Amino acid sequence: MLKHQVRTPADALAYITDCTLATVSHMAMLKSRKKSEYERQIGIAEIGMRWMKEMGVPLTGTRAEYVERYGSVAAWAAQYAPETYNAELNLRPRRSAAEAWTSG
């Protein structure tokens, strides 16, 4: 959902939840993050999704629609974590220039 599409309180809830999920996915991609802040954002997103369901706000067209398939925000966000992403693609962590130079 885009900001200019917000017309009702339900749209506002969907938009804020969508933005929070975007923050969660961004934080999941970071190599270094504050665990407490990451968990706080996940909690906020979970509450937003629960309220959307309780208030009958459709998940369609938002990130919440995809999160629902994973069962939880944490499970959905795990796909964005560098270690998960690399494992799914069978990638090894990149060697630093110093490691490459010394190991040949």
N, C-alpha and C. Protein backbone atom coordinates (compact mmCIF):
# COMPACT_ATOMS: atom_id res chain seq x y z
N MET A 1 0.84 -1.18 0.00
CA MET A 1 0.00 0.00 0.00
C MET A 1 0.89 1.24 0.00
N LEU A 2 0.46 2.23 -0.73
CA LEU A 2 1.20 3.48 -0.83
C LEU A 2 0.51 4.58 -0.02
N LYS A 3 1.30 5.51 0.48
CA LYS A 3 0.77 6.56 1.35
C LYS A 3 -0.37 7.33 0.71
N HIS A 4 -0.27 7.61 -0.57
CA HIS A 4 -1.32 8.40 -1.22
C HIS A 4 -2.64 7.62 -1.39
N GLN A 5 -2.62 6.32 -1.10
CA GLN A 5 -3.83 5.51 -1.20
C GLN A 5 -4.62 5.46 0.11
N VAL A 6 -4.07 6.04 1.18
CA VAL A 6 -4.72 6.00 2.48
C VAL A 6 -5.90 6.97 2.49
N ARG A 7 -7.10 6.42 2.74
CA ARG A 7 -8.32 7.23 2.75
C ARG A 7 -9.16 7.01 4.01
N THR A 8 -8.95 5.88 4.67
CA THR A 8 -9.78 5.52 5.82
C THR A 8 -8.89 5.07 6.98
N PRO A 9 -9.46 4.97 8.20
CA PRO A 9 -8.66 4.44 9.32
C PRO A 9 -8.14 3.02 9.03
N ALA A 10 -8.92 2.20 8.34
CA ALA A 10 -8.47 0.85 7.99
C ALA A 10 -7.25 0.91 7.06
N ASP A 11 -7.31 1.83 6.09
CA ASP A 11 -6.16 2.02 5.19
C ASP A 11 -4.94 2.46 5.99
N ALA A 12 -5.15 3.34 6.96
CA ALA A 12 -4.04 3.84 7.78
C ALA A 12 -3.39 2.70 8.56
N LEU A 13 -4.21 1.82 9.14
CA LEU A 13 -3.67 0.67 9.86
C LEU A 13 -2.88 -0.23 8.93
N ALA A 14 -3.43 -0.49 7.75
CA ALA A 14 -2.73 -1.33 6.77
C ALA A 14 -1.41 -0.69 6.35
N TYR A 15 -1.41 0.62 6.15
CA TYR A 15 -0.20 1.32 5.72
C TYR A 15 0.88 1.28 6.81
N ILE A 16 0.49 1.58 8.05
CA ILE A 16 1.47 1.58 9.15
C ILE A 16 2.02 0.17 9.38
N THR A 17 1.17 -0.83 9.29
CA THR A 17 1.62 -2.22 9.44
C THR A 17 2.58 -2.58 8.32
N ASP A 18 2.25 -2.18 7.11
CA ASP A 18 3.11 -2.44 5.95
C ASP A 18 4.47 -1.78 6.13
N CYS A 19 4.48 -0.55 6.61
CA CYS A 19 5.74 0.17 6.85
C CYS A 19 6.58 -0.53 7.91
N THR A 20 5.92 -1.01 8.96
CA THR A 20 6.64 -1.71 10.02
C THR A 20 7.23 -3.01 9.50
N LEU A 21 6.49 -3.72 8.66
CA LEU A 21 7.02 -4.94 8.05
C LEU A 21 8.21 -4.63 7.15
N ALA A 22 8.19 -3.50 6.47
CA ALA A 22 9.33 -3.09 5.65
C ALA A 22 10.55 -2.84 6.53
N THR A 23 10.33 -2.24 7.69
CA THR A 23 11.43 -2.01 8.64
C THR A 23 11.99 -3.34 9.12
N VAL A 24 11.11 -4.28 9.44
CA VAL A 24 11.55 -5.60 9.91
C VAL A 24 12.39 -6.30 8.84
N SER A 25 11.92 -6.28 7.59
CA SER A 25 12.69 -6.96 6.53
C SER A 25 14.03 -6.29 6.32
N HIS A 26 14.06 -4.96 6.42
CA HIS A 26 15.34 -4.24 6.27
C HIS A 26 16.29 -4.62 7.41
N MET A 27 15.78 -4.61 8.64
CA MET A 27 16.63 -4.95 9.78
C MET A 27 17.12 -6.39 9.70
N ALA A 28 16.29 -7.28 9.16
CA ALA A 28 16.69 -8.69 9.03
C ALA A 28 17.90 -8.84 8.12
N MET A 29 18.02 -7.96 7.14
CA MET A 29 19.13 -8.04 6.17
C MET A 29 20.44 -7.52 6.72
N LEU A 30 20.39 -6.81 7.82
CA LEU A 30 21.61 -6.21 8.37
C LEU A 30 22.49 -7.27 9.01
N LYS A 31 23.79 -7.11 8.80
CA LYS A 31 24.74 -8.02 9.43
C LYS A 31 24.77 -7.80 10.94
N SER A 32 24.64 -6.56 11.33
CA SER A 32 24.69 -6.19 12.74
C SER A 32 23.46 -5.34 13.06
N ARG A 33 22.73 -5.75 14.07
CA ARG A 33 21.54 -4.99 14.48
C ARG A 33 21.33 -5.19 15.98
N LYS A 34 20.64 -4.25 16.60
CA LYS A 34 20.30 -4.40 18.00
C LYS A 34 19.16 -5.41 18.11
N LYS A 35 19.41 -6.50 18.78
CA LYS A 35 18.44 -7.57 18.88
C LYS A 35 17.14 -7.08 19.51
N SER A 36 17.24 -6.25 20.55
CA SER A 36 16.04 -5.78 21.24
C SER A 36 15.18 -4.91 20.33
N GLU A 37 15.79 -4.06 19.52
CA GLU A 37 15.03 -3.21 18.60
C GLU A 37 14.39 -4.04 17.49
N TYR A 38 15.12 -5.02 17.01
CA TYR A 38 14.59 -5.92 15.98
C TYR A 38 13.37 -6.67 16.52
N GLU A 39 13.48 -7.21 17.72
CA GLU A 39 12.37 -7.93 18.33
C GLU A 39 11.20 -7.01 18.62
N ARG A 40 11.48 -5.76 18.99
CA ARG A 40 10.42 -4.78 19.23
C ARG A 40 9.64 -4.50 17.95
N GLN A 41 10.35 -4.32 16.84
CA GLN A 41 9.70 -4.07 15.56
C GLN A 41 8.87 -5.27 15.11
N ILE A 42 9.37 -6.47 15.36
CA ILE A 42 8.60 -7.69 15.05
C ILE A 42 7.32 -7.70 15.87
N GLY A 43 7.41 -7.36 17.15
CA GLY A 43 6.24 -7.32 18.01
C GLY A 43 5.21 -6.30 17.54
N ILE A 44 5.66 -5.11 17.13
CA ILE A 44 4.76 -4.08 16.62
C ILE A 44 4.06 -4.57 15.36
N ALA A 45 4.80 -5.22 14.48
CA ALA A 45 4.22 -5.74 13.24
C ALA A 45 3.19 -6.84 13.54
N GLU A 46 3.49 -7.70 14.50
CA GLU A 46 2.55 -8.77 14.88
C GLU A 46 1.24 -8.16 15.40
N ILE A 47 1.35 -7.12 16.22
CA ILE A 47 0.16 -6.45 16.75
C ILE A 47 -0.64 -5.82 15.61
N GLY A 48 0.05 -5.15 14.70
CA GLY A 48 -0.62 -4.53 13.56
C GLY A 48 -1.39 -5.55 12.74
N MET A 49 -0.77 -6.69 12.49
CA MET A 49 -1.44 -7.74 11.73
C MET A 49 -2.64 -8.31 12.49
N ARG A 50 -2.47 -8.49 13.81
CA ARG A 50 -3.58 -9.01 14.62
C ARG A 50 -4.75 -8.04 14.59
N TRP A 51 -4.46 -6.73 14.72
CA TRP A 51 -5.52 -5.73 14.67
C TRP A 51 -6.19 -5.70 13.29
N MET A 52 -5.40 -5.84 12.24
CA MET A 52 -5.99 -5.87 10.90
C MET A 52 -7.01 -7.00 10.80
N LYS A 53 -6.63 -8.18 11.30
CA LYS A 53 -7.54 -9.34 11.25
C LYS A 53 -8.77 -9.11 12.11
N GLU A 54 -8.56 -8.61 13.34
CA GLU A 54 -9.67 -8.39 14.27
C GLU A 54 -10.66 -7.35 13.74
N MET A 55 -10.14 -6.35 13.03
CA MET A 55 -10.98 -5.26 12.54
C MET A 55 -11.47 -5.48 11.12
N GLY A 56 -11.13 -6.64 10.56
CA GLY A 56 -11.62 -6.97 9.22
C GLY A 56 -10.95 -6.19 8.10
N VAL A 57 -9.73 -5.71 8.35
CA VAL A 57 -8.98 -4.99 7.32
C VAL A 57 -8.32 -6.03 6.41
N PRO A 58 -8.59 -5.97 5.11
CA PRO A 58 -8.01 -6.99 4.21
C PRO A 58 -6.48 -6.91 4.17
N LEU A 59 -5.86 -8.06 4.17
CA LEU A 59 -4.40 -8.14 4.07
C LEU A 59 -3.94 -8.02 2.61
N THR A 60 -4.86 -8.17 1.69
CA THR A 60 -4.57 -8.15 0.27
C THR A 60 -3.85 -6.88 -0.14
N GLY A 61 -2.78 -7.05 -0.89
CA GLY A 61 -2.03 -5.91 -1.42
C GLY A 61 -1.02 -5.33 -0.45
N THR A 62 -0.80 -6.00 0.68
CA THR A 62 0.20 -5.54 1.65
C THR A 62 1.20 -6.66 1.91
N ARG A 63 2.29 -6.30 2.57
CA ARG A 63 3.26 -7.32 2.96
C ARG A 63 2.63 -8.34 3.91
N ALA A 64 1.64 -7.89 4.67
CA ALA A 64 0.97 -8.77 5.63
C ALA A 64 0.38 -10.00 4.95
N GLU A 65 -0.02 -9.85 3.71
CA GLU A 65 -0.56 -10.98 2.95
C GLU A 65 0.48 -12.09 2.83
N TYR A 66 1.73 -11.73 2.60
CA TYR A 66 2.81 -12.71 2.46
C TYR A 66 3.25 -13.24 3.82
N VAL A 67 3.26 -12.37 4.83
CA VAL A 67 3.65 -12.79 6.18
C VAL A 67 2.69 -13.87 6.67
N GLU A 68 1.43 -13.71 6.37
CA GLU A 68 0.40 -14.66 6.80
C GLU A 68 0.75 -16.08 6.36
N ARG A 69 1.33 -16.23 5.21
CA ARG A 69 1.70 -17.56 4.69
C ARG A 69 2.79 -18.23 5.51
N TYR A 70 3.62 -17.41 6.19
CA TYR A 70 4.72 -17.94 6.99
C TYR A 70 4.30 -18.26 8.42
N GLY A 71 3.16 -17.71 8.85
CA GLY A 71 2.66 -17.99 10.19
C GLY A 71 3.05 -16.98 11.25
N SER A 72 4.17 -16.30 11.06
CA SER A 72 4.59 -15.26 12.01
C SER A 72 5.54 -14.29 11.30
N VAL A 73 5.64 -13.11 11.90
CA VAL A 73 6.53 -12.10 11.33
C VAL A 73 7.98 -12.58 11.43
N ALA A 74 8.35 -13.19 12.55
CA ALA A 74 9.72 -13.67 12.72
C ALA A 74 10.09 -14.71 11.67
N ALA A 75 9.18 -15.64 11.41
CA ALA A 75 9.44 -16.68 10.40
C ALA A 75 9.57 -16.05 9.01
N TRP A 76 8.72 -15.08 8.71
CA TRP A 76 8.79 -14.38 7.42
C TRP A 76 10.10 -13.62 7.28
N ALA A 77 10.50 -12.93 8.34
CA ALA A 77 11.72 -12.11 8.31
C ALA A 77 12.98 -12.95 8.18
N ALA A 78 12.93 -14.18 8.66
CA ALA A 78 14.12 -15.05 8.61
C ALA A 78 14.63 -15.26 7.19
N GLN A 79 13.74 -15.20 6.22
CA GLN A 79 14.18 -15.39 4.83
C GLN A 79 15.10 -14.28 4.36
N TYR A 80 15.05 -13.13 5.02
CA TYR A 80 15.87 -11.99 4.62
C TYR A 80 17.23 -11.94 5.33
N ALA A 81 17.40 -12.77 6.34
CA ALA A 81 18.66 -12.78 7.08
C ALA A 81 19.79 -13.25 6.18
N PRO A 82 20.94 -12.58 6.22
CA PRO A 82 22.05 -12.95 5.33
C PRO A 82 22.43 -14.42 5.41
N GLU A 83 22.45 -15.00 6.61
CA GLU A 83 22.85 -16.41 6.74
C GLU A 83 21.80 -17.33 6.12
N THR A 84 20.54 -16.99 6.23
CA THR A 84 19.48 -17.79 5.63
C THR A 84 19.53 -17.68 4.12
N TYR A 85 19.65 -16.46 3.64
CA TYR A 85 19.68 -16.20 2.20
C TYR A 85 20.86 -16.95 1.56
N ASN A 86 22.04 -16.85 2.15
CA ASN A 86 23.21 -17.53 1.61
C ASN A 86 23.07 -19.04 1.67
N ALA A 87 22.45 -19.56 2.73
CA ALA A 87 22.27 -21.01 2.86
C ALA A 87 21.31 -21.52 1.79
N GLU A 88 20.25 -20.77 1.52
CA GLU A 88 19.28 -21.20 0.51
C GLU A 88 19.90 -21.23 -0.88
N LEU A 89 20.83 -20.33 -1.13
CA LEU A 89 21.48 -20.27 -2.44
C LEU A 89 22.77 -21.09 -2.49
N ASN A 90 23.08 -21.76 -1.37
CA ASN A 90 24.33 -22.53 -1.25
C ASN A 90 25.56 -21.66 -1.51
N LEU A 91 25.51 -20.45 -0.97
CA LEU A 91 26.65 -19.53 -1.12
C LEU A 91 27.52 -19.60 0.12
N ARG A 92 28.81 -19.47 -0.11
CA ARG A 92 29.73 -19.37 1.01
C ARG A 92 29.95 -17.89 1.28
N PRO A 93 30.21 -17.51 2.54
CA PRO A 93 30.51 -16.11 2.81
C PRO A 93 31.70 -15.65 1.98
N ARG A 94 31.66 -14.42 1.54
CA ARG A 94 32.76 -13.88 0.73
C ARG A 94 34.01 -13.74 1.57
N ARG A 95 35.14 -14.06 0.96
CA ARG A 95 36.42 -13.88 1.64
C ARG A 95 36.84 -12.43 1.51
N SER A 96 37.50 -11.94 2.53
CA SER A 96 38.03 -10.59 2.45
C SER A 96 39.21 -10.59 1.48
N ALA A 97 39.60 -9.42 1.05
CA ALA A 97 40.74 -9.29 0.14
C ALA A 97 42.00 -9.85 0.79
N ALA A 98 42.16 -9.63 2.09
CA ALA A 98 43.34 -10.14 2.80
C ALA A 98 43.35 -11.66 2.81
N GLU A 99 42.20 -12.28 3.05
CA GLU A 99 42.12 -13.74 3.04
C GLU A 99 42.40 -14.30 1.66
N ALA A 100 41.87 -13.67 0.65
CA ALA A 100 42.10 -14.12 -0.72
C ALA A 100 43.56 -14.01 -1.09
N TRP A 101 44.21 -12.95 -0.65
CA TRP A 101 45.61 -12.71 -0.97
C TRP A 101 46.51 -13.75 -0.30
N THR A 102 46.23 -14.07 0.97
CA THR A 102 47.09 -14.98 1.71
C THR A 102 46.84 -16.45 1.37
N SER A 103 45.62 -16.78 0.96
CA SER A 103 45.33 -18.19 0.69
C SER A 103 45.51 -18.56 -0.77
N GLY A 104 45.73 -17.56 -1.59
CA GLY A 104 46.02 -17.84 -2.99
C GLY A 104 44.83 -18.01 -3.79
